[in-house]
Protein backbone atom coordinates (compact mmCIF):
# COMPACT_ATOMS: atom_id res chain seq x y z
CA UNK A 1 11.23 7.29 28.64
CA UNK A 2 9.26 4.20 29.66
CA UNK A 3 8.99 1.01 27.60
CA UNK A 4 5.36 1.64 26.73
CA UNK A 5 6.05 5.05 25.19
CA UNK A 6 9.08 3.65 23.35
CA UNK A 7 6.96 0.85 21.86
CA UNK A 8 4.37 3.39 20.81
CA UNK A 9 7.07 5.44 19.09
CA UNK A 10 8.23 2.42 17.09
CA UNK A 11 4.63 1.66 16.11
CA UNK A 12 4.30 5.25 14.89
CA UNK A 13 7.61 5.11 12.99
CA UNK A 14 6.59 1.91 11.23
CA UNK A 15 3.02 3.17 10.65
CA UNK A 16 2.13 -0.18 12.13
CA UNK A 17 -1.53 -0.13 11.11
CA UNK A 18 -0.74 0.53 7.44
CA UNK A 19 1.98 -2.14 7.46
CA UNK A 20 -0.46 -4.61 8.97
CA UNK A 21 -2.87 -3.78 6.16
CA UNK A 22 -0.16 -4.92 3.75
CA UNK A 23 0.03 -8.29 5.49
CA UNK A 24 -3.76 -8.62 5.27
CA UNK A 25 -3.55 -7.73 1.58
CA UNK A 26 -1.23 -10.70 0.97
CA UNK A 27 -3.71 -13.07 2.59
CA UNK A 28 -6.52 -11.54 0.54
CA UNK A 29 -4.53 -12.02 -2.69
CA UNK A 30 -3.95 -15.66 -1.78
CA UNK A 31 -7.62 -16.15 -0.88
CA UNK A 32 -8.84 -14.62 -4.16
CA UNK A 33 -6.46 -16.70 -6.26
CA UNK A 34 -7.39 -19.98 -4.53
CA UNK A 35 -11.06 -19.24 -3.98
CA UNK A 36 -10.58 -20.52 -0.43
CA UNK A 37 -8.31 -20.15 2.57
CA UNK A 38 -4.75 -21.35 1.86
CA UNK A 39 -3.82 -24.66 3.44
CA UNK A 40 -0.70 -26.79 3.88
CA UNK A 41 2.37 -25.52 2.03
CA UNK A 42 0.32 -22.75 0.44
CA UNK A 43 -0.56 -21.53 3.94
CA UNK A 44 3.13 -21.53 4.90
CA UNK A 45 4.10 -19.61 1.77
CA UNK A 46 1.28 -17.11 2.33
CA UNK A 47 2.38 -16.50 5.93
CA UNK A 48 5.97 -15.94 4.80
CA UNK A 49 4.85 -13.61 2.03
CA UNK A 50 2.77 -11.72 4.57
CA UNK A 51 5.76 -11.42 6.91
CA UNK A 52 7.92 -10.28 4.00
CA UNK A 53 5.48 -7.53 3.04
CA UNK A 54 4.95 -6.44 6.65
CA UNK A 55 8.71 -6.14 7.27
CA UNK A 56 9.20 -4.43 3.90
CA UNK A 57 6.51 -1.83 4.58
CA UNK A 58 7.76 -1.15 8.11
CA UNK A 59 11.25 -0.67 6.69
CA UNK A 60 10.01 1.64 3.91
CA UNK A 61 7.99 3.75 6.34
CA UNK A 62 10.91 4.08 8.75
CA UNK A 63 13.29 4.96 5.91
CA UNK A 64 10.88 7.64 4.76
CA UNK A 65 11.01 9.24 8.22
CA UNK A 66 14.80 8.94 8.38
CA UNK A 67 15.21 10.78 5.07
CA UNK A 68 12.51 13.35 5.93
CA UNK A 69 13.68 14.07 9.46
CA UNK A 70 14.68 17.68 8.71
CA UNK A 71 11.36 18.41 6.99
CA UNK A 72 9.50 16.77 9.87
CA UNK A 73 11.31 18.95 12.42
CA UNK A 74 9.26 21.80 10.98
CA UNK A 75 6.15 20.04 9.71
CA UNK A 76 5.69 17.15 12.17
CA UNK A 77 7.91 17.80 15.21
CA UNK A 78 6.08 15.20 17.30
CA UNK A 79 7.11 12.31 15.03
CA UNK A 80 9.46 9.81 16.75
CA UNK A 81 12.69 10.95 15.06
CA UNK A 82 12.46 14.77 15.22
CA UNK A 83 11.10 14.56 18.78
CA UNK A 84 14.06 12.39 19.83
CA UNK A 85 11.86 9.52 21.01
CA UNK A 86 13.93 7.24 18.73
CA UNK A 87 17.51 7.96 17.70
CA UNK A 88 18.30 8.07 14.00
CA UNK A 89 21.15 5.58 14.39
CA UNK A 90 18.88 3.09 16.14
CA UNK A 91 16.20 3.60 13.49
CA UNK A 92 18.72 2.85 10.72
CA UNK A 93 19.76 -0.44 12.35
CA UNK A 94 16.17 -1.61 12.80
CA UNK A 95 15.23 -0.49 9.27
CA UNK A 96 18.06 -2.55 7.76
CA UNK A 97 17.14 -5.55 9.94
CA UNK A 98 13.53 -5.42 8.76
CA UNK A 99 14.57 -5.38 5.11
CA UNK A 100 16.74 -8.43 5.80
CA UNK A 101 13.75 -10.18 7.40
CA UNK A 102 11.70 -9.38 4.31
CA UNK A 103 14.34 -10.91 2.04
CA UNK A 104 14.88 -14.03 4.16
CA UNK A 105 11.11 -14.63 4.36
CA UNK A 106 10.97 -14.49 0.57
CA UNK A 107 13.83 -16.99 0.21
CA UNK A 108 12.20 -19.41 2.67
CA UNK A 109 8.88 -19.17 0.80
CA UNK A 110 10.71 -20.04 -2.41
CA UNK A 111 12.28 -23.06 -0.73
CA UNK A 112 8.86 -24.32 0.40
CA UNK A 113 7.54 -23.90 -3.14
CA UNK A 114 9.93 -26.68 -4.26
CA UNK A 115 7.59 -29.14 -2.53
CA UNK A 116 5.27 -28.73 -5.52
CA UNK A 117 5.96 -30.08 -9.00
CA UNK A 118 7.29 -27.12 -11.01
CA UNK A 119 6.65 -25.15 -7.81
CA UNK A 120 9.74 -22.95 -7.92
CA UNK A 121 9.04 -22.01 -11.53
CA UNK A 122 5.38 -21.25 -10.77
CA UNK A 123 6.40 -19.25 -7.68
CA UNK A 124 9.17 -17.29 -9.46
CA UNK A 125 6.99 -14.22 -10.31
CA UNK A 126 7.06 -13.51 -6.56
CA UNK A 127 10.74 -12.60 -6.91
CA UNK A 128 10.02 -10.20 -9.76
CA UNK A 129 7.26 -8.48 -7.77
CA UNK A 130 9.54 -8.14 -4.72
CA UNK A 131 12.38 -6.75 -6.87
CA UNK A 132 10.00 -4.27 -8.50
CA UNK A 133 8.99 -3.12 -5.02
CA UNK A 134 12.68 -2.60 -4.18
CA UNK A 135 13.13 -0.67 -7.43
CA UNK A 136 10.22 1.62 -6.55
CA UNK A 137 11.51 2.07 -2.99
CA UNK A 138 15.01 3.05 -4.09
CA UNK A 139 13.83 5.36 -6.85
CA UNK A 140 11.24 6.97 -4.58
CA UNK A 141 13.39 7.59 -1.52
CA UNK A 142 16.89 8.05 -2.98
CA UNK A 143 18.14 11.44 -4.13
CA UNK A 144 21.31 10.09 -5.77
CA UNK A 145 22.24 10.93 -9.36
CA UNK A 146 21.30 7.40 -10.41
CA UNK A 147 17.79 7.61 -8.92
CA UNK A 148 14.58 8.67 -10.67
CA UNK A 149 13.87 10.75 -7.52
CA UNK A 150 10.19 9.89 -7.76
CA UNK A 151 9.35 11.42 -4.39
CA UNK A 152 10.16 14.89 -5.74
CA UNK A 153 8.36 14.45 -9.06
CA UNK A 154 4.78 14.75 -7.91
CA UNK A 155 2.38 12.47 -9.77
CA UNK A 156 5.04 9.86 -10.78
CA UNK A 157 5.84 9.49 -7.09
CA UNK A 158 2.16 9.07 -6.25
CA UNK A 159 1.92 6.39 -8.94
CA UNK A 160 4.96 4.57 -7.53
CA UNK A 161 3.46 4.45 -4.03
CA UNK A 162 0.09 3.31 -5.38
CA UNK A 163 1.68 0.58 -7.48
CA UNK A 164 3.51 -0.71 -4.42
CA UNK A 165 0.20 -0.88 -2.53
CA UNK A 166 -1.57 -2.73 -5.34
CA UNK A 167 1.36 -5.12 -5.75
CA UNK A 168 0.70 -6.52 -2.28
CA UNK A 169 -2.35 -8.31 -3.72
CA UNK A 170 -0.32 -9.61 -6.65
CA UNK A 171 2.41 -10.80 -4.27
CA UNK A 172 -0.08 -12.78 -2.21
CA UNK A 173 -1.53 -14.43 -5.32
CA UNK A 174 1.93 -15.13 -6.76
CA UNK A 175 2.71 -17.12 -3.61
CA UNK A 176 -0.02 -19.58 -4.59
CA UNK A 177 1.00 -19.56 -8.27
CA UNK A 178 -1.89 -17.51 -9.75
CA UNK A 179 -1.16 -13.77 -9.77
CA UNK A 180 -2.92 -13.32 -13.15
CA UNK A 181 -6.27 -14.46 -11.72
CA UNK A 182 -9.06 -12.10 -12.90
CA UNK A 183 -10.22 -11.40 -9.31
CA UNK A 184 -6.67 -10.58 -8.30
CA UNK A 185 -6.12 -8.20 -11.23
CA UNK A 186 -9.47 -6.53 -10.45
CA UNK A 187 -8.46 -5.91 -6.87
CA UNK A 188 -5.05 -4.63 -7.95
CA UNK A 189 -6.80 -1.99 -10.09
CA UNK A 190 -9.15 -1.07 -7.24
CA UNK A 191 -6.33 -0.69 -4.72
CA UNK A 192 -4.17 1.27 -7.15
CA UNK A 193 -6.80 3.86 -8.08
CA UNK A 194 -8.04 4.29 -4.52
CA UNK A 195 -4.53 4.91 -3.24
CA UNK A 196 -3.50 7.18 -6.14
CA UNK A 197 -6.37 9.57 -5.44
CA UNK A 198 -5.62 9.49 -1.71
CA UNK A 199 -1.92 10.21 -2.25
CA UNK A 200 -2.76 13.29 -4.34
CA UNK A 201 -5.11 14.60 -1.67
CA UNK A 202 -2.57 13.92 1.10
CA UNK A 203 -0.07 16.03 -0.87
CA UNK A 204 -2.63 18.85 -0.96
CA UNK A 205 -3.07 18.50 2.80
CA UNK A 206 0.71 18.69 3.37
CA UNK A 207 1.47 21.37 0.77
CA UNK A 208 2.79 23.91 3.28
CA UNK A 209 5.29 21.49 4.80
CA UNK A 210 6.50 19.63 1.69
CA UNK A 211 9.73 21.56 1.34
CA UNK A 212 11.84 20.65 -1.68
CA UNK A 213 9.14 18.57 -3.31
CA UNK A 214 7.27 19.24 -6.55
CA UNK A 215 3.88 17.66 -5.95
CA UNK A 216 0.97 17.75 -8.37
CA UNK A 217 -0.75 20.36 -6.19
CA UNK A 218 2.36 22.56 -6.39
CA UNK A 219 2.52 22.20 -10.16
CA UNK A 220 -1.10 22.73 -11.18
CA UNK A 221 -2.63 24.31 -8.09
CA UNK A 222 -4.76 22.91 -5.31
CA UNK A 223 -8.11 23.11 -7.08
CA UNK A 224 -6.91 21.34 -10.23
CA UNK A 225 -5.22 18.67 -8.10
CA UNK A 226 -8.52 18.05 -6.30
CA UNK A 227 -10.22 17.72 -9.69
CA UNK A 228 -7.60 15.17 -10.84
CA UNK A 229 -8.13 13.21 -7.62
CA UNK A 230 -11.89 13.14 -8.17
CA UNK A 231 -11.50 11.97 -11.80
CA UNK A 232 -9.29 9.12 -10.54
CA UNK A 233 -11.97 8.26 -7.98
CA UNK A 234 -14.49 7.99 -10.82
CA UNK A 235 -12.17 5.39 -12.36
CA UNK A 236 -12.12 3.74 -8.94
CA UNK A 237 -15.91 3.54 -9.09
CA UNK A 238 -15.66 1.85 -12.49
CA UNK A 239 -13.02 -0.58 -11.21
CA UNK A 240 -15.31 -1.47 -8.29
CA UNK A 241 -18.38 -2.14 -10.44
CA UNK A 242 -16.75 -3.72 -13.51
CA UNK A 243 -15.88 -7.09 -11.87
CA UNK A 244 -19.56 -7.59 -11.09
CA UNK A 245 -20.64 -6.52 -14.58
CA UNK A 246 -18.28 -9.09 -16.13
CA UNK A 247 -19.17 -11.86 -13.65
CA UNK A 248 -15.69 -11.88 -12.12
CA UNK A 249 -17.60 -11.56 -8.85
CA UNK A 250 -21.24 -12.75 -8.68
CA UNK A 251 -23.69 -9.99 -9.58
CA UNK A 252 -25.86 -10.83 -6.57
CA UNK A 253 -22.92 -9.91 -4.31
CA UNK A 254 -22.91 -6.31 -5.60
CA UNK A 255 -24.85 -5.26 -2.51
CA UNK A 256 -21.78 -6.09 -0.42
CA UNK A 257 -19.80 -3.15 -1.81
CA UNK A 258 -22.65 -0.60 -1.61
CA UNK A 259 -21.34 0.86 1.72
CA UNK A 260 -17.93 1.41 0.13
CA UNK A 261 -19.46 3.02 -2.97
CA UNK A 262 -21.64 5.33 -0.85
CA UNK A 263 -18.62 6.44 1.19
CA UNK A 264 -16.75 7.10 -2.06
CA UNK A 265 -19.53 9.33 -3.38
CA UNK A 266 -19.32 11.46 -0.23
CA UNK A 267 -15.71 12.37 -1.02
CA UNK A 268 -16.75 14.87 -3.70
CA UNK A 269 -18.50 17.07 -1.13
CA UNK A 270 -15.43 17.04 1.12
CA UNK A 271 -13.23 18.10 -1.79
CA UNK A 272 -15.70 20.83 -2.80
CA UNK A 273 -15.41 22.34 0.68
CA UNK A 274 -11.60 21.96 0.76
CA UNK A 275 -11.82 19.43 3.60
CA UNK A 276 -8.77 17.56 2.36
CA UNK A 277 -8.01 15.58 5.52
CA UNK A 278 -11.61 14.43 5.84
CA UNK A 279 -11.59 13.54 2.14
CA UNK A 280 -8.52 11.31 2.31
CA UNK A 281 -9.76 9.64 5.50
CA UNK A 282 -13.10 8.99 3.80
CA UNK A 283 -11.29 7.42 0.84
CA UNK A 284 -9.48 5.14 3.28
CA UNK A 285 -12.79 4.22 4.93
CA UNK A 286 -14.37 3.54 1.53
CA UNK A 287 -11.47 1.28 0.57
CA UNK A 288 -11.81 -0.67 3.82
CA UNK A 289 -15.56 -1.11 3.35
CA UNK A 290 -15.14 -2.17 -0.27
CA UNK A 291 -12.42 -4.69 0.61
CA UNK A 292 -14.59 -6.11 3.37
CA UNK A 293 -17.42 -6.62 0.88
CA UNK A 294 -15.11 -8.29 -1.62
CA UNK A 295 -13.62 -10.56 1.06
CA UNK A 296 -17.11 -11.69 2.06
CA UNK A 297 -17.97 -12.28 -1.62
CA UNK A 298 -14.85 -14.42 -2.06
CA UNK A 299 -15.65 -16.55 1.00
CA UNK A 300 -19.35 -17.26 0.38
């Protein structure tokens, strides 16, 4: 196997694009909290937080494939591990190394925070957010007797994944000492509801290959699961519009999120025609468009 195909396999294992989105989310959280681009020590902390999240997400994604390798042999045989493009032993070593990088980046960010008066104390919520992410990871992926086994519990597992996505924004803002900022909390709610609906629809899409799991679609049926996803998307619509209604973002900037809102409205038609893959991809596109609008609003 040539180096190029090997690199591509690692990118696939890490879900590199999604992990990169996590890094961008950290910068966005920092930007929203500060109202400007981070500079000086804040820039250094933000970069380290971004690296920590990127390494964490790569590690989580790889671990997910390691634990699901037998399921993927049947459902997704072309994935890097079941296809043999990457050995499981090698994947375990790299996964552990990435988690170590995530931890060391966090420690270094904490050290830099001591350059501010009361900086370490103000930065400390970052540790709690990182530890909560670890808690969710362990209780989602692990099948031990001491685990909540969230991955096999349907909706609670979807909530755990969605919380971890939303926490990226909080983590970025915590790095600059303001994770309770109203704009940051608003974006956390937006990211959480978007992702929760998408996770439910992805479970519908994968229902035939999710052996051993007990997803929402398996519990209540595909049609009811689609209905739940759409109701959550209605809450997403509210979470998108509310910050403008309450002047958290300027009302005149509402036009910036119109493309995202329009894409979101189109999801209902996809669900009505059982086009689950198109629906979850459209949700992802809507999220990207909405985030772009909010980023522009925060910078102007």
